[in-house]
């Protein structure tokens, strides 16, 4: 494992300390987890963008044409007020 010296504003450090205490984990674990989550989100975004570039409107419409045009069952309907 590598060490990393990190400078944080006092307010952010306090919030991290409080949150780590609430979660019963170390500040180190909190920061490592938060960084891993951020990296995962950014990687997923890049992956989705890459796949979107390969998209074909014609193929999408072809697939949608195969979907039956029927009303959904009651349990699968959106609420009226949406």
PDB file of N, CA and C in Angstrom:
ATOM      1  N   UNK A   1       0.845  -1.183   0.000  1.00  0.00           N
ATOM      2  CA  UNK A   1       0.000   0.000   0.000  1.00  0.00           C
ATOM      3  C   UNK A   1       0.885   1.239   0.000  1.00  0.00           C
ATOM      4  N   UNK A   2       0.402   2.295  -0.614  1.00  0.00           N
ATOM      5  CA  UNK A   2       1.148   3.552  -0.698  1.00  0.00           C
ATOM      6  C   UNK A   2       0.618   4.557   0.316  1.00  0.00           C
ATOM      7  N   UNK A   3       1.494   5.449   0.731  1.00  0.00           N
ATOM      8  CA  UNK A   3       1.102   6.541   1.608  1.00  0.00           C
ATOM      9  C   UNK A   3       0.862   7.779   0.770  1.00  0.00           C
ATOM     10  N   UNK A   4      -0.075   8.604   1.228  1.00  0.00           N
ATOM     11  CA  UNK A   4      -0.380   9.837   0.523  1.00  0.00           C
ATOM     12  C   UNK A   4      -0.624  10.918   1.562  1.00  0.00           C
ATOM     13  N   UNK A   5       0.122  11.981   1.464  1.00  0.00           N
ATOM     14  CA  UNK A   5      -0.091  13.121   2.342  1.00  0.00           C
ATOM     15  C   UNK A   5      -1.125  14.017   1.683  1.00  0.00           C
ATOM     16  N   UNK A   6      -2.136  14.390   2.439  1.00  0.00           N
ATOM     17  CA  UNK A   6      -3.254  15.121   1.856  1.00  0.00           C
ATOM     18  C   UNK A   6      -3.566  16.349   2.696  1.00  0.00           C
ATOM     19  N   UNK A   7      -3.682  17.477   2.048  1.00  0.00           N
ATOM     20  CA  UNK A   7      -4.071  18.708   2.741  1.00  0.00           C
ATOM     21  C   UNK A   7      -5.545  18.957   2.458  1.00  0.00           C
ATOM     22  N   UNK A   8      -6.307  19.129   3.535  1.00  0.00           N
ATOM     23  CA  UNK A   8      -7.739  19.380   3.417  1.00  0.00           C
ATOM     24  C   UNK A   8      -8.108  20.650   4.152  1.00  0.00           C
ATOM     25  N   UNK A   9      -9.090  21.367   3.657  1.00  0.00           N
ATOM     26  CA  UNK A   9      -9.605  22.488   4.445  1.00  0.00           C
ATOM     27  C   UNK A   9     -10.157  21.942   5.767  1.00  0.00           C
ATOM     28  N   UNK A  10     -10.048  22.721   6.802  1.00  0.00           N
ATOM     29  CA  UNK A  10     -10.489  22.283   8.132  1.00  0.00           C
ATOM     30  C   UNK A  10     -11.943  21.808   8.120  1.00  0.00           C
ATOM     31  N   UNK A  11     -12.809  22.522   7.406  1.00  0.00           N
ATOM     32  CA  UNK A  11     -14.229  22.147   7.396  1.00  0.00           C
ATOM     33  C   UNK A  11     -14.440  20.771   6.758  1.00  0.00           C
ATOM     34  N   UNK A  12     -13.699  20.482   5.699  1.00  0.00           N
ATOM     35  CA  UNK A  12     -13.816  19.181   5.039  1.00  0.00           C
ATOM     36  C   UNK A  12     -13.247  18.072   5.924  1.00  0.00           C
ATOM     37  N   UNK A  13     -12.137  18.359   6.572  1.00  0.00           N
ATOM     38  CA  UNK A  13     -11.543  17.386   7.484  1.00  0.00           C
ATOM     39  C   UNK A  13     -12.496  17.071   8.628  1.00  0.00           C
ATOM     40  N   UNK A  14     -13.120  18.086   9.179  1.00  0.00           N
ATOM     41  CA  UNK A  14     -14.067  17.875  10.281  1.00  0.00           C
ATOM     42  C   UNK A  14     -15.248  17.024   9.821  1.00  0.00           C
ATOM     43  N   UNK A  15     -15.766  17.346   8.645  1.00  0.00           N
ATOM     44  CA  UNK A  15     -16.913  16.578   8.130  1.00  0.00           C
ATOM     45  C   UNK A  15     -16.519  15.126   7.872  1.00  0.00           C
ATOM     46  N   UNK A  16     -15.313  14.913   7.323  1.00  0.00           N
ATOM     47  CA  UNK A  16     -14.825  13.553   7.080  1.00  0.00           C
ATOM     48  C   UNK A  16     -14.645  12.804   8.394  1.00  0.00           C
ATOM     49  N   UNK A  17     -14.091  13.472   9.379  1.00  0.00           N
ATOM     50  CA  UNK A  17     -13.890  12.861  10.700  1.00  0.00           C
ATOM     51  C   UNK A  17     -15.232  12.471  11.320  1.00  0.00           C
ATOM     52  N   UNK A  18     -16.215  13.385  11.239  1.00  0.00           N
ATOM     53  CA  UNK A  18     -17.536  13.103  11.808  1.00  0.00           C
ATOM     54  C   UNK A  18     -18.236  11.956  11.072  1.00  0.00           C
ATOM     55  N   UNK A  19     -18.141  11.965   9.768  1.00  0.00           N
ATOM     56  CA  UNK A  19     -18.783  10.918   8.979  1.00  0.00           C
ATOM     57  C   UNK A  19     -18.125   9.562   9.232  1.00  0.00           C
ATOM     58  N   UNK A  20     -16.814   9.542   9.290  1.00  0.00           N
ATOM     59  CA  UNK A  20     -16.098   8.294   9.571  1.00  0.00           C
ATOM     60  C   UNK A  20     -16.512   7.748  10.938  1.00  0.00           C
ATOM     61  N   UNK A  21     -16.656   8.642  11.906  1.00  0.00           N
ATOM     62  CA  UNK A  21     -17.089   8.214  13.243  1.00  0.00           C
ATOM     63  C   UNK A  21     -18.502   7.635  13.184  1.00  0.00           C
ATOM     64  N   UNK A  22     -19.403   8.302  12.456  1.00  0.00           N
ATOM     65  CA  UNK A  22     -20.781   7.804  12.309  1.00  0.00           C
ATOM     66  C   UNK A  22     -20.792   6.424  11.657  1.00  0.00           C
ATOM     67  N   UNK A  23     -19.933   6.225  10.674  1.00  0.00           N
ATOM     68  CA  UNK A  23     -19.883   4.963   9.934  1.00  0.00           C
ATOM     69  C   UNK A  23     -19.033   3.902  10.639  1.00  0.00           C
ATOM     70  N   UNK A  24     -18.371   4.320  11.704  1.00  0.00           N
ATOM     71  CA  UNK A  24     -17.490   3.437  12.481  1.00  0.00           C
ATOM     72  C   UNK A  24     -16.348   2.876  11.620  1.00  0.00           C
ATOM     73  N   UNK A  25     -15.765   3.769  10.834  1.00  0.00           N
ATOM     74  CA  UNK A  25     -14.599   3.419  10.028  1.00  0.00           C
ATOM     75  C   UNK A  25     -13.554   4.513  10.211  1.00  0.00           C
ATOM     76  N   UNK A  26     -12.340   4.240   9.757  1.00  0.00           N
ATOM     77  CA  UNK A  26     -11.286   5.257   9.854  1.00  0.00           C
ATOM     78  C   UNK A  26     -11.474   6.310   8.762  1.00  0.00           C
ATOM     79  N   UNK A  27     -10.885   7.473   8.978  1.00  0.00           N
ATOM     80  CA  UNK A  27     -10.912   8.506   7.945  1.00  0.00           C
ATOM     81  C   UNK A  27     -10.207   7.969   6.693  1.00  0.00           C
ATOM     82  N   UNK A  28      -9.145   7.211   6.886  1.00  0.00           N
ATOM     83  CA  UNK A  28      -8.432   6.614   5.751  1.00  0.00           C
ATOM     84  C   UNK A  28      -9.380   5.744   4.923  1.00  0.00           C
ATOM     85  N   UNK A  29     -10.155   4.889   5.601  1.00  0.00           N
ATOM     86  CA  UNK A  29     -11.092   4.018   4.886  1.00  0.00           C
ATOM     87  C   UNK A  29     -12.175   4.835   4.194  1.00  0.00           C
ATOM     88  N   UNK A  30     -12.660   5.873   4.853  1.00  0.00           N
ATOM     89  CA  UNK A  30     -13.683   6.739   4.259  1.00  0.00           C
ATOM     90  C   UNK A  30     -13.171   7.377   2.968  1.00  0.00           C
ATOM     91  N   UNK A  31     -11.978   7.923   3.026  1.00  0.00           N
ATOM     92  CA  UNK A  31     -11.413   8.589   1.850  1.00  0.00           C
ATOM     93  C   UNK A  31     -11.110   7.583   0.744  1.00  0.00           C
ATOM     94  N   UNK A  32     -10.569   6.418   1.104  1.00  0.00           N
ATOM     95  CA  UNK A  32     -10.280   5.388   0.096  1.00  0.00           C
ATOM     96  C   UNK A  32     -11.569   4.929  -0.590  1.00  0.00           C
ATOM     97  N   UNK A  33     -12.628   4.741   0.194  1.00  0.00           N
ATOM     98  CA  UNK A  33     -13.907   4.311  -0.361  1.00  0.00           C
ATOM     99  C   UNK A  33     -14.511   5.396  -1.248  1.00  0.00           C
ATOM    100  N   UNK A  34     -14.458   6.644  -0.783  1.00  0.00           N
ATOM    101  CA  UNK A  34     -15.001   7.752  -1.574  1.00  0.00           C
ATOM    102  C   UNK A  34     -14.250   7.890  -2.896  1.00  0.00           C
ATOM    103  N   UNK A  35     -12.940   7.736  -2.862  1.00  0.00           N
ATOM    104  CA  UNK A  35     -12.149   7.828  -4.083  1.00  0.00           C
ATOM    105  C   UNK A  35     -12.476   6.666  -5.032  1.00  0.00           C
ATOM    106  N   UNK A  36     -12.617   5.469  -4.475  1.00  0.00           N
ATOM    107  CA  UNK A  36     -12.967   4.304  -5.305  1.00  0.00           C
ATOM    108  C   UNK A  36     -14.328   4.507  -5.964  1.00  0.00           C
ATOM    109  N   UNK A  37     -15.290   5.051  -5.227  1.00  0.00           N
ATOM    110  CA  UNK A  37     -16.621   5.315  -5.790  1.00  0.00           C
ATOM    111  C   UNK A  37     -16.544   6.346  -6.911  1.00  0.00           C
ATOM    112  N   UNK A  38     -15.781   7.398  -6.708  1.00  0.00           N
ATOM    113  CA  UNK A  38     -15.641   8.443  -7.729  1.00  0.00           C
ATOM    114  C   UNK A  38     -14.991   7.883  -8.987  1.00  0.00           C
ATOM    115  N   UNK A  39     -13.945   7.082  -8.816  1.00  0.00           N
ATOM    116  CA  UNK A  39     -13.269   6.484  -9.966  1.00  0.00           C
ATOM    117  C   UNK A  39     -14.231   5.562 -10.714  1.00  0.00           C
ATOM    118  N   UNK A  40     -15.027   4.784  -9.984  1.00  0.00           N
ATOM    119  CA  UNK A  40     -15.986   3.881 -10.613  1.00  0.00           C
ATOM    120  C   UNK A  40     -17.010   4.654 -11.437  1.00  0.00           C
ATOM    121  N   UNK A  41     -17.479   5.762 -10.916  1.00  0.00           N
ATOM    122  CA  UNK A  41     -18.450   6.595 -11.643  1.00  0.00           C
ATOM    123  C   UNK A  41     -17.831   7.150 -12.925  1.00  0.00           C
ATOM    124  N   UNK A  42     -16.633   7.674 -12.822  1.00  0.00           N
ATOM    125  CA  UNK A  42     -15.968   8.242 -13.999  1.00  0.00           C
ATOM    126  C   UNK A  42     -15.669   7.171 -15.035  1.00  0.00           C
ATOM    127  N   UNK A  43     -15.244   5.985 -14.582  1.00  0.00           N
ATOM    128  CA  UNK A  43     -14.982   4.884 -15.512  1.00  0.00           C
ATOM    129  C   UNK A  43     -16.275   4.448 -16.205  1.00  0.00           C
ATOM    130  N   UNK A  44     -17.363   4.363 -15.443  1.00  0.00           N
ATOM    131  CA  UNK A  44     -18.654   3.970 -16.021  1.00  0.00           C
ATOM    132  C   UNK A  44     -19.106   4.991 -17.055  1.00  0.00           C
ATOM    133  N   UNK A  45     -18.916   6.263 -16.740  1.00  0.00           N
ATOM    134  CA  UNK A  45     -19.296   7.328 -17.677  1.00  0.00           C
ATOM    135  C   UNK A  45     -18.529   7.196 -18.991  1.00  0.00           C
ATOM    136  N   UNK A  46     -17.230   6.948 -18.897  1.00  0.00           N
ATOM    137  CA  UNK A  46     -16.421   6.768 -20.109  1.00  0.00           C
ATOM    138  C   UNK A  46     -16.887   5.553 -20.898  1.00  0.00           C
ATOM    139  N   UNK A  47     -17.200   4.481 -20.189  1.00  0.00           N
ATOM    140  CA  UNK A  47     -17.666   3.255 -20.840  1.00  0.00           C
ATOM    141  C   UNK A  47     -18.986   3.502 -21.572  1.00  0.00           C
ATOM    142  N   UNK A  48     -19.899   4.202 -20.921  1.00  0.00           N
ATOM    143  CA  UNK A  48     -21.202   4.497 -21.532  1.00  0.00           C
ATOM    144  C   UNK A  48     -21.031   5.398 -22.751  1.00  0.00           C
ATOM    145  N   UNK A  49     -20.180   6.405 -22.641  1.00  0.00           N
ATOM    146  CA  UNK A  49     -19.923   7.289 -23.783  1.00  0.00           C
ATOM    147  C   UNK A  49     -19.335   6.505 -24.955  1.00  0.00           C
ATOM    148  N   UNK A  50     -18.417   5.586 -24.659  1.00  0.00           N
ATOM    149  CA  UNK A  50     -17.797   4.773 -25.707  1.00  0.00           C
ATOM    150  C   UNK A  50     -18.855   3.906 -26.398  1.00  0.00           C
ATOM    151  N   UNK A  51     -19.733   3.299 -25.607  1.00  0.00           N
ATOM    152  CA  UNK A  51     -20.785   2.469 -26.193  1.00  0.00           C
ATOM    153  C   UNK A  51     -21.787   3.313 -26.969  1.00  0.00           C
ATOM    154  N   UNK A  52     -22.079   4.513 -26.472  1.00  0.00           N
ATOM    155  CA  UNK A  52     -23.046   5.389 -27.149  1.00  0.00           C
ATOM    156  C   UNK A  52     -22.548   5.776 -28.543  1.00  0.00           C
ATOM    157  N   UNK A  53     -21.253   5.909 -28.703  1.00  0.00           N
ATOM    158  CA  UNK A  53     -20.698   6.258 -30.014  1.00  0.00           C
ATOM    159  C   UNK A  53     -20.933   5.160 -31.051  1.00  0.00           C
ATOM    160  N   UNK A  54     -21.108   3.926 -30.566  1.00  0.00           N
ATOM    161  CA  UNK A  54     -21.361   2.804 -31.475  1.00  0.00           C
ATOM    162  C   UNK A  54     -22.852   2.632 -31.760  1.00  0.00           C
ATOM    163  N   UNK A  55     -23.683   3.444 -31.113  1.00  0.00           N
ATOM    164  CA  UNK A  55     -25.135   3.284 -31.228  1.00  0.00           C
ATOM    165  C   UNK A  55     -25.613   3.553 -32.645  1.00  0.00           C
ATOM    166  N   UNK A  56     -26.720   2.917 -32.974  1.00  0.00           N
ATOM    167  CA  UNK A  56     -27.328   3.100 -34.287  1.00  0.00           C
ATOM    168  C   UNK A  56     -28.822   3.357 -34.090  1.00  0.00           C
ATOM    169  N   UNK A  57     -29.275   4.497 -34.539  1.00  0.00           N
ATOM    170  CA  UNK A  57     -30.702   4.817 -34.420  1.00  0.00           C
ATOM    171  C   UNK A  57     -31.545   3.806 -35.204  1.00  0.00           C
ATOM    172  N   UNK A  58     -31.055   3.395 -36.350  1.00  0.00           N
ATOM    173  CA  UNK A  58     -31.789   2.429 -37.172  1.00  0.00           C
ATOM    174  C   UNK A  58     -31.956   1.103 -36.428  1.00  0.00           C
ATOM    175  N   UNK A  59     -30.886   0.630 -35.778  1.00  0.00           N
ATOM    176  CA  UNK A  59     -30.977  -0.626 -35.032  1.00  0.00           C
ATOM    177  C   UNK A  59     -31.902  -0.476 -33.823  1.00  0.00           C
ATOM    178  N   UNK A  60     -31.866   0.696 -33.187  1.00  0.00           N
ATOM    179  CA  UNK A  60     -32.762   0.954 -32.060  1.00  0.00           C
ATOM    180  C   UNK A  60     -34.210   0.883 -32.513  1.00  0.00           C
ATOM    181  N   UNK A  61     -34.524   1.564 -33.600  1.00  0.00           N
ATOM    182  CA  UNK A  61     -35.900   1.564 -34.100  1.00  0.00           C
ATOM    183  C   UNK A  61     -36.329   0.164 -34.544  1.00  0.00           C
ATOM    184  N   UNK A  62     -35.393  -0.586 -35.099  1.00  0.00           N
ATOM    185  CA  UNK A  62     -35.680  -1.968 -35.500  1.00  0.00           C
ATOM    186  C   UNK A  62     -36.036  -2.815 -34.274  1.00  0.00           C
ATOM    187  N   UNK A  63     -35.285  -2.654 -33.204  1.00  0.00           N
ATOM    188  CA  UNK A  63     -35.563  -3.401 -31.972  1.00  0.00           C
ATOM    189  C   UNK A  63     -36.890  -2.958 -31.361  1.00  0.00           C
ATOM    190  N   UNK A  64     -37.145  -1.662 -31.350  1.00  0.00           N
ATOM    191  CA  UNK A  64     -38.394  -1.154 -30.773  1.00  0.00           C
ATOM    192  C   UNK A  64     -39.611  -1.621 -31.559  1.00  0.00           C
ATOM    193  N   UNK A  65     -39.441  -1.841 -32.844  1.00  0.00           N
ATOM    194  CA  UNK A  65     -40.550  -2.308 -33.680  1.00  0.00           C
ATOM    195  C   UNK A  65     -40.991  -3.716 -33.283  1.00  0.00           C
ATOM    196  N   UNK A  66     -40.122  -4.453 -32.625  1.00  0.00           N
ATOM    197  CA  UNK A  66     -40.440  -5.813 -32.189  1.00  0.00           C
ATOM    198  C   UNK A  66     -41.201  -5.842 -30.866  1.00  0.00           C
ATOM    199  N   UNK A  67     -41.244  -4.710 -30.173  1.00  0.00           N
ATOM    200  CA  UNK A  67     -41.930  -4.650 -28.879  1.00  0.00           C
ATOM    201  C   UNK A  67     -43.426  -4.532 -29.119  1.00  0.00           C
ATOM    202  N   UNK A  68     -44.224  -5.424 -28.503  1.00  0.00           N
ATOM    203  CA  UNK A  68     -45.678  -5.351 -28.708  1.00  0.00           C
ATOM    204  C   UNK A  68     -46.251  -4.029 -28.202  1.00  0.00           C
ATOM    205  N   UNK A  69     -47.195  -3.491 -28.927  1.00  0.00           N
ATOM    206  CA  UNK A  69     -47.851  -2.237 -28.551  1.00  0.00           C
ATOM    207  C   UNK A  69     -49.086  -2.572 -27.713  1.00  0.00           C
ATOM    208  N   UNK A  70     -48.858  -2.845 -26.427  1.00  0.00           N
ATOM    209  CA  UNK A  70     -49.947  -3.219 -25.526  1.00  0.00           C
ATOM    210  C   UNK A  70     -49.894  -2.344 -24.277  1.00  0.00           C
ATOM    211  N   UNK A  71     -51.012  -2.206 -23.628  1.00  0.00           N
ATOM    212  CA  UNK A  71     -51.079  -1.453 -22.379  1.00  0.00           C
ATOM    213  C   UNK A  71     -50.382  -2.265 -21.277  1.00  0.00           C
ATOM    214  N   UNK A  72     -49.673  -1.587 -20.385  1.00  0.00           N
ATOM    215  CA  UNK A  72     -49.013  -2.320 -19.303  1.00  0.00           C
ATOM    216  C   UNK A  72     -50.037  -2.819 -18.280  1.00  0.00           C
ATOM    217  N   UNK A  73     -49.691  -3.873 -17.535  1.00  0.00           N
ATOM    218  CA  UNK A  73     -50.590  -4.321 -16.468  1.00  0.00           C
ATOM    219  C   UNK A  73     -50.705  -3.239 -15.397  1.00  0.00           C
ATOM    220  N   UNK A  74     -51.742  -3.282 -14.596  1.00  0.00           N
ATOM    221  CA  UNK A  74     -51.982  -2.245 -13.580  1.00  0.00           C
ATOM    222  C   UNK A  74     -50.791  -2.038 -12.657  1.00  0.00           C
ATOM    223  N   UNK A  75     -50.146  -3.126 -12.240  1.00  0.00           N
ATOM    224  CA  UNK A  75     -49.032  -3.004 -11.292  1.00  0.00           C
ATOM    225  C   UNK A  75     -47.810  -2.310 -11.904  1.00  0.00           C
ATOM    226  N   UNK A  76     -47.773  -2.191 -13.224  1.00  0.00           N
ATOM    227  CA  UNK A  76     -46.619  -1.621 -13.901  1.00  0.00           C
ATOM    228  C   UNK A  76     -46.892  -0.226 -14.474  1.00  0.00           C
ATOM    229  N   UNK A  77     -48.014   0.348 -14.127  1.00  0.00           N
ATOM    230  CA  UNK A  77     -48.372   1.685 -14.634  1.00  0.00           C
ATOM    231  C   UNK A  77     -47.732   2.784 -13.781  1.00  0.00           C
ATOM    232  N   UNK A  78     -47.442   3.891 -14.425  1.00  0.00           N
ATOM    233  CA  UNK A  78     -46.964   5.065 -13.698  1.00  0.00           C
ATOM    234  C   UNK A  78     -48.124   5.721 -12.984  1.00  0.00           C
ATOM    235  N   UNK A  79     -47.860   6.329 -11.834  1.00  0.00           N
ATOM    236  CA  UNK A  79     -48.944   7.049 -11.148  1.00  0.00           C
ATOM    237  C   UNK A  79     -49.479   8.173 -12.021  1.00  0.00           C
ATOM    238  N   UNK A  80     -50.758   8.448 -11.872  1.00  0.00           N
ATOM    239  CA  UNK A  80     -51.431   9.486 -12.676  1.00  0.00           C
ATOM    240  C   UNK A  80     -50.790  10.854 -12.493  1.00  0.00           C
ATOM    241  N   UNK A  81     -50.327  11.170 -11.286  1.00  0.00           N
ATOM    242  CA  UNK A  81     -49.823  12.516 -10.985  1.00  0.00           C
ATOM    243  C   UNK A  81     -48.375  12.730 -11.424  1.00  0.00           C
ATOM    244  N   UNK A  82     -47.799  11.788 -12.125  1.00  0.00           N
ATOM    245  CA  UNK A  82     -46.427  11.979 -12.602  1.00  0.00           C
ATOM    246  C   UNK A  82     -46.384  12.775 -13.882  1.00  0.00           C
TER     247      UNK A  82
END
